Protein backbone atom coordinates (compact mmCIF):
# COMPACT_ATOMS: atom_id res chain seq x y z
CA MET A 1 0.00 -0.03 0.05
CA LYS A 2 1.51 3.48 -1.02
CA PRO A 3 1.35 6.28 1.44
CA ILE A 4 -1.63 8.41 1.53
CA VAL A 5 -0.82 11.98 0.68
CA THR A 6 -2.58 14.86 2.77
CA LEU A 7 -2.60 18.50 1.77
CA THR A 8 -2.98 21.50 4.45
CA LEU A 9 -2.80 24.69 2.70
CA ASN A 10 -3.87 26.63 5.66
CA SER A 11 -2.20 24.96 8.53
CA SER A 12 -2.44 26.37 12.14
CA VAL A 13 -1.31 25.93 15.61
CA ASP A 14 -4.39 24.90 17.83
CA VAL A 15 -4.30 26.27 21.31
CA GLN A 16 -7.27 24.85 23.99
CA TRP A 17 -8.16 26.43 27.08
CA GLU A 18 -10.75 25.77 29.62
CA VAL A 19 -12.49 28.35 31.77
CA PRO A 20 -14.85 28.09 34.53
CA GLU A 21 -17.49 30.42 33.05
CA MET A 22 -17.51 32.49 29.94
CA LEU A 23 -18.19 36.25 31.02
CA HIS A 24 -17.81 39.20 29.02
CA THR A 25 -15.39 42.09 30.19
CA LYS A 26 -14.17 40.01 33.17
CA LYS A 27 -10.58 38.44 33.24
CA LEU A 28 -11.10 34.67 32.70
CA ARG A 29 -8.88 32.27 34.70
CA ALA A 30 -8.09 29.79 32.39
CA SER A 31 -6.32 26.41 32.55
CA ASN A 32 -2.71 26.11 30.90
CA GLY A 33 -3.13 26.22 27.17
CA ILE A 34 -2.55 22.79 25.40
CA THR A 35 -1.12 23.02 21.70
CA PHE A 36 -1.86 20.72 18.77
CA PRO A 37 -0.70 20.79 15.20
CA GLY A 38 -3.86 21.79 13.33
CA GLY A 39 -5.42 22.01 9.88
CA GLY A 40 -7.58 19.44 8.13
CA GLY A 41 -4.63 17.40 6.29
CA ILE A 42 -2.39 17.31 9.14
CA ASN A 43 -5.43 15.94 11.26
CA VAL A 44 -6.05 13.20 8.55
CA SER A 45 -2.31 12.34 8.74
CA ARG A 46 -2.38 12.20 12.55
CA VAL A 47 -5.46 9.70 12.49
CA ILE A 48 -3.85 7.56 9.67
CA LYS A 49 -0.71 7.21 11.91
CA THR A 50 -3.05 6.12 14.96
CA LEU A 51 -4.52 3.56 12.64
CA GLY A 52 -1.11 2.02 11.74
CA GLY A 53 -0.84 3.49 8.38
CA GLN A 54 1.49 5.77 6.46
CA SER A 55 0.94 9.21 4.93
CA ILE A 56 2.87 12.04 3.77
CA SER A 57 1.57 15.51 4.98
CA VAL A 58 2.19 18.44 2.49
CA PHE A 59 1.52 21.72 4.47
CA THR A 60 2.45 25.37 4.55
CA SER A 61 4.69 26.97 7.28
CA GLY A 62 5.43 30.39 7.78
CA ASP A 63 7.47 32.37 10.41
CA PHE A 64 7.85 31.71 14.21
CA VAL A 65 4.46 30.06 14.58
CA GLY A 66 5.16 27.74 11.51
CA HIS A 67 8.41 26.68 13.10
CA PHE A 68 6.54 25.70 16.17
CA LEU A 69 4.15 23.88 14.10
CA ARG A 70 6.84 21.93 12.24
CA GLU A 71 8.33 21.00 15.80
CA MET A 72 5.01 19.43 16.89
CA VAL A 73 4.28 17.72 13.68
CA ASP A 74 7.91 16.22 13.90
CA ASN A 75 7.07 15.12 17.45
CA ALA A 76 3.79 13.42 16.29
CA GLY A 77 6.21 11.27 14.03
CA LEU A 78 4.60 12.40 10.92
CA ILE A 79 6.32 12.25 7.49
CA THR A 80 6.19 15.49 5.95
CA ARG A 81 6.76 17.76 2.79
CA VAL A 82 6.87 21.33 3.95
CA VAL A 83 6.38 24.50 1.89
CA GLN A 84 7.79 27.58 3.24
CA ILE A 85 5.76 30.71 2.96
CA GLU A 86 6.33 34.40 3.73
CA GLY A 87 3.12 34.94 5.90
CA VAL A 88 2.73 33.83 9.51
CA THR A 89 1.10 30.44 10.05
CA ARG A 90 -2.31 31.09 11.83
CA THR A 91 -3.13 30.44 15.38
CA SER A 92 -6.65 29.07 16.02
CA SER A 93 -8.14 28.77 19.53
CA THR A 94 -10.73 26.62 21.35
CA VAL A 95 -12.18 27.70 24.78
CA PHE A 96 -14.39 25.18 26.80
CA ASP A 97 -16.89 26.67 29.34
CA ARG A 98 -17.04 24.08 32.11
CA SER A 99 -20.33 25.70 33.63
CA THR A 100 -22.35 24.95 30.29
CA GLY A 101 -20.27 22.26 28.53
CA GLN A 102 -20.00 24.63 25.48
CA GLU A 103 -17.16 25.09 23.22
CA TYR A 104 -16.04 28.30 21.57
CA ARG A 105 -13.90 28.21 18.47
CA VAL A 106 -11.94 31.15 17.20
CA THR A 107 -10.45 30.46 13.59
CA PRO A 108 -8.67 33.38 12.00
CA PRO A 109 -8.54 33.50 8.00
CA GLY A 110 -4.53 32.93 8.19
CA PRO A 111 -1.94 34.31 5.76
CA SER A 112 -2.23 35.22 2.11
CA LEU A 113 -0.35 32.81 -0.21
CA THR A 114 1.41 34.11 -3.21
CA GLU A 115 1.25 32.31 -6.65
CA ARG A 116 4.63 30.74 -6.15
CA GLU A 117 3.69 29.58 -2.70
CA TRP A 118 0.40 27.72 -3.74
CA GLN A 119 1.92 26.42 -7.01
CA ALA A 120 4.64 24.72 -4.70
CA CYS A 121 2.10 23.02 -2.81
CA PHE A 122 0.45 21.98 -6.12
CA ASP A 123 3.67 20.58 -7.54
CA ALA A 124 4.57 18.73 -4.16
CA LEU A 125 1.50 16.76 -4.22
CA PHE A 126 2.64 15.00 -7.59
CA ASP A 127 6.28 14.59 -6.72
CA ILE A 128 5.04 11.75 -4.36
CA SER A 129 4.03 8.38 -5.68
CA THR A 130 0.52 7.77 -4.12
CA ASP A 131 -2.96 6.35 -5.10
CA TYR A 132 -5.00 8.88 -2.74
CA ILE A 133 -4.56 12.58 -2.24
CA VAL A 134 -6.65 13.81 0.72
CA ALA A 135 -7.31 17.69 0.09
CA THR A 136 -9.04 19.18 3.07
CA GLY A 137 -9.89 22.63 4.60
CA SER A 138 -10.46 26.23 3.50
CA LEU A 139 -8.30 27.80 0.82
CA PRO A 140 -6.19 30.74 2.21
CA LEU A 141 -6.25 34.10 0.68
CA GLY A 142 -4.60 34.48 -2.46
CA VAL A 143 -5.51 30.86 -3.71
CA PRO A 144 -7.99 30.65 -6.64
CA ASP A 145 -11.19 29.00 -5.92
CA ASP A 146 -10.49 26.09 -8.57
CA PHE A 147 -7.22 25.12 -6.90
CA TYR A 148 -8.84 21.83 -5.83
CA ALA A 149 -10.27 21.49 -9.24
CA ARG A 150 -6.94 21.70 -10.76
CA VAL A 151 -5.70 18.92 -8.29
CA SER A 152 -8.51 16.68 -9.33
CA HIS A 153 -7.88 17.44 -13.05
CA ARG A 154 -4.21 16.52 -12.82
CA ALA A 155 -4.71 13.48 -10.34
CA LYS A 156 -7.36 11.96 -12.84
CA LYS A 157 -4.73 11.99 -15.39
CA GLN A 158 -2.23 10.18 -13.41
CA GLY A 159 -4.92 7.63 -12.11
CA ARG A 160 -4.98 8.99 -8.59
CA ARG A 161 -7.84 9.61 -6.39
CA VAL A 162 -8.84 12.79 -4.88
CA VAL A 163 -10.69 12.72 -1.40
CA LEU A 164 -12.21 16.46 -1.01
CA ASP A 165 -13.58 18.05 2.43
CA THR A 166 -14.11 21.68 1.69
CA SER A 167 -16.92 24.01 1.18
CA GLY A 168 -18.19 27.06 -0.73
CA ALA A 169 -16.89 28.03 -4.23
CA PRO A 170 -13.79 25.81 -3.97
CA LEU A 171 -16.11 22.74 -3.39
CA ALA A 172 -18.46 23.74 -6.10
CA ALA A 173 -15.50 24.26 -8.62
CA ALA A 174 -14.05 20.84 -7.96
CA LEU A 175 -17.40 19.06 -8.25
CA GLU A 176 -17.70 20.49 -11.66
CA GLU A 177 -14.33 18.63 -12.29
CA GLY A 178 -15.29 15.69 -10.59
CA VAL A 179 -13.67 14.06 -7.68
CA PHE A 180 -13.23 10.26 -6.44
CA LEU A 181 -14.89 11.15 -2.97
CA VAL A 182 -16.49 14.21 -1.40
CA LYS A 183 -17.42 14.53 2.29
CA PRO A 184 -19.76 17.50 2.93
CA ASN A 185 -21.66 17.92 6.10
CA ARG A 186 -25.47 18.40 6.15
CA GLY A 187 -25.11 22.37 6.16
CA GLU A 188 -22.65 22.27 3.21
CA MET A 189 -24.91 19.99 1.12
CA LYS A 190 -27.73 22.31 1.82
CA ARG A 191 -25.95 25.25 0.56
CA LEU A 192 -24.18 23.38 -2.32
CA MET A 193 -27.58 22.23 -3.62
CA GLY A 194 -29.57 25.17 -2.79
CA THR A 195 -32.15 23.41 -0.66
CA GLY A 196 -33.64 23.81 2.73
CA ASP A 197 -33.97 21.25 5.57
CA LEU A 198 -33.29 17.88 4.40
CA GLY A 199 -35.01 14.60 5.46
CA PRO A 200 -33.68 11.07 4.96
CA GLN A 201 -35.06 10.67 1.56
CA GLU A 202 -33.83 14.05 0.35
CA GLU A 203 -30.34 13.56 1.69
CA GLU A 204 -30.11 10.19 -0.21
CA ALA A 205 -31.62 11.54 -3.49
CA LEU A 206 -28.97 14.50 -3.21
CA ALA A 207 -26.16 12.22 -2.59
CA GLN A 208 -27.17 9.92 -5.58
CA GLN A 209 -27.56 12.93 -7.78
CA LEU A 210 -24.00 14.03 -7.25
CA VAL A 211 -22.92 10.42 -8.06
CA ARG A 212 -25.17 10.33 -11.24
CA GLU A 213 -23.94 13.65 -12.56
CA GLY A 214 -20.32 12.51 -12.38
CA LYS A 215 -19.31 14.95 -9.61
CA ALA A 216 -18.16 12.27 -7.27
CA GLU A 217 -17.97 8.57 -7.38
CA VAL A 218 -18.40 8.23 -3.67
CA VAL A 219 -20.37 10.83 -1.60
CA ALA A 220 -20.05 10.74 2.16
CA LEU A 221 -22.52 12.88 3.90
CA THR A 222 -21.73 13.47 7.48
CA LEU A 223 -24.94 14.21 9.76
CA GLY A 224 -23.46 14.81 13.17
CA GLY A 225 -25.11 12.83 15.76
CA ASP A 226 -27.17 11.14 13.09
CA GLY A 227 -24.22 9.47 11.85
CA ALA A 228 -23.37 9.45 8.00
CA LEU A 229 -24.76 8.40 4.57
CA LEU A 230 -22.46 6.81 1.92
CA ALA A 231 -23.54 6.82 -1.55
CA THR A 232 -22.17 5.18 -4.63
CA GLU A 233 -23.64 4.21 -8.02
CA GLY A 234 -26.71 2.47 -7.31
CA ARG A 235 -25.99 2.02 -3.60
CA THR A 236 -26.66 3.89 -0.46
CA LEU A 237 -25.50 2.88 3.09
CA ARG A 238 -26.32 4.59 6.60
CA LEU A 239 -24.57 4.21 9.63
CA ARG A 240 -24.61 5.68 13.10
CA GLY A 241 -22.09 5.24 15.83
CA PRO A 242 -22.84 4.51 19.33
CA ASP A 243 -24.07 7.28 21.47
CA VAL A 244 -21.31 8.67 23.42
CA LYS A 245 -20.73 11.84 25.71
CA VAL A 246 -19.31 14.35 23.46
CA LYS A 247 -16.28 16.41 24.70
CA SER A 248 -15.41 18.11 21.64
CA ALA A 249 -16.25 18.06 17.87
CA VAL A 250 -13.02 19.43 16.66
CA GLY A 251 -11.43 17.26 14.07
CA ALA A 252 -14.25 14.67 14.03
CA GLY A 253 -14.79 15.18 10.36
CA ASP A 254 -11.03 15.01 9.63
CA SER A 255 -11.16 11.84 11.59
CA PHE A 256 -14.01 10.25 9.66
CA VAL A 257 -12.27 11.22 6.45
CA ALA A 258 -8.96 9.70 7.75
CA GLY A 259 -10.56 6.37 8.73
CA LEU A 260 -12.67 6.00 5.59
CA THR A 261 -9.79 6.84 3.15
CA TYR A 262 -7.39 4.51 5.07
CA GLY A 263 -10.01 1.67 4.86
CA LEU A 264 -10.60 2.23 1.12
CA ALA A 265 -6.80 2.39 0.60
CA ARG A 266 -5.90 -0.95 2.45
CA PRO A 267 -8.37 -2.07 0.53
CA MET A 268 -11.27 -2.92 2.87
CA GLU A 269 -14.98 -3.60 1.63
CA LEU A 270 -16.77 -0.35 1.36
CA ALA A 271 -19.11 -1.03 4.23
CA ASP A 272 -16.12 -1.71 6.65
CA ALA A 273 -14.19 1.32 5.51
CA PHE A 274 -17.26 3.43 6.08
CA ALA A 275 -17.53 1.80 9.55
CA LEU A 276 -13.88 2.56 10.27
CA GLY A 277 -14.69 6.35 9.33
CA ILE A 278 -17.70 6.33 11.83
CA ALA A 279 -15.48 4.57 14.50
CA SER A 280 -12.62 7.20 13.85
CA GLY A 281 -14.99 10.31 13.83
CA THR A 282 -16.91 8.94 17.01
CA ALA A 283 -13.59 8.19 18.90
CA THR A 284 -12.46 11.83 18.27
CA VAL A 285 -15.46 13.35 20.14
CA LEU A 286 -14.58 11.61 23.14
CA THR A 287 -11.37 13.81 23.56
CA ALA A 288 -11.11 17.43 24.41
CA GLY A 289 -10.34 20.25 22.10
CA SER A 290 -7.95 19.43 19.12
CA GLU A 291 -6.86 16.20 20.77
CA LEU A 292 -7.99 13.29 18.12
CA CYS A 293 -9.18 9.86 18.36
CA ARG A 294 -7.36 7.15 20.45
CA ARG A 295 -6.66 3.70 18.91
CA GLN A 296 -8.38 1.56 21.82
CA ASP A 297 -11.50 3.79 21.25
CA ILE A 298 -11.41 3.26 17.47
CA GLU A 299 -11.03 -0.44 17.82
CA ARG A 300 -14.06 -0.72 20.46
CA ILE A 301 -16.43 1.47 18.51
CA TYR A 302 -15.62 -0.42 15.34
CA ARG A 303 -16.41 -3.73 17.10
CA GLU A 304 -19.72 -2.28 18.43
CA ILE A 305 -20.75 -1.25 14.86
CA THR A 306 -19.66 -4.19 12.90
CA GLY A 307 -19.45 -6.95 15.33
CA LYS A 308 -15.79 -7.65 14.11
CA SER A 309 -12.56 -6.87 15.27
CA LEU A 310 -10.29 -4.21 13.68
CA ASP A 311 -7.27 -5.70 11.95
CA VAL A 312 -5.03 -2.95 10.88
C-alpha cells in the first residue's frame, strides 16, 4: 500500500483552554493552554498514523508560528513535505466553558499565499507516488477558487483518487471537475444544492444526484449525531455510531475522512471502510479540544458497529 498524501494549505497551531465560565469584560482564569498541530490534512495524517498507516503530509509553514508547528508535527512522528511561506502560520483557539459544557472556536483566516507558494504546494502533491490525495480545509487568501479542481484534473490524468473535504466556491468548482470522494456535512450539502431542511429521503436523493452527474464516485454525507450516509452508483449506506458523551467535535470530520480513506486504500470492503470512518470520527468526540481519536476507542467502537475486530 502506497502512503496517502494529505494537503493542508491553511495549517495552524491549535490552542485549547478551559475556563470556569464565559463572562464578558471580566478576566477569565483559564487552564494552561494545550497546543496541537492543526489543519485538516495534518489531522487526517495524525489519525492515519494512529490506525497504523503511513501518510505524507504536505503543508504550509510560515515564520515563528510555522516553526513551532513543524516541531509539533515532527514530534507526532509524521512524514512531511513542508512548503515555506512568507506569511505567518495562523493560530486557532478553542475555549471550553465548564459551566455549560459549550465550546467556543476562534479561527482566523490565516496568511495570504503568493502564486509561487500555492503552486509549490500543488507541485509537491505530484512529486510523491500515491494512489490517494486527501485535500481538506479552506483555501487561504490568494489561492484561486479552482485550486482543488486543478488538483483533481491532474490527479485523474495520473490515475490517482482525490478525497475532498471543503466548502463554498472551492467545493463547487471541484465538483464541476469531478472527484473520487467528497465529504460534505449536512449544512454544506444544503448550501451546495440550494435546498432547505433535508429529510432522510432528500439526503439520499441529493447524494445519489452528485454520483449520477459524475461529480463524485463516492459521496460521504456526515450528519453529526445522526451518523453518516455513503452513496455510490446504485447503492446507499447509512451508519450511526454508538451514543457517546461528546467532549469536543473539533477534528471529528477529519478523523472520519482519515478512517474512511485509510480503509479504502488498504483495501477494505466499502461497508467496513465506512464503519472505520464512523468509528474514527466518533472516537474523536470523546477527546477534548484538538486532541484526536485514540486507537483503543476506534477498535472498541468499530467492534460495536460491525461485530468484528479491527485488523489494521
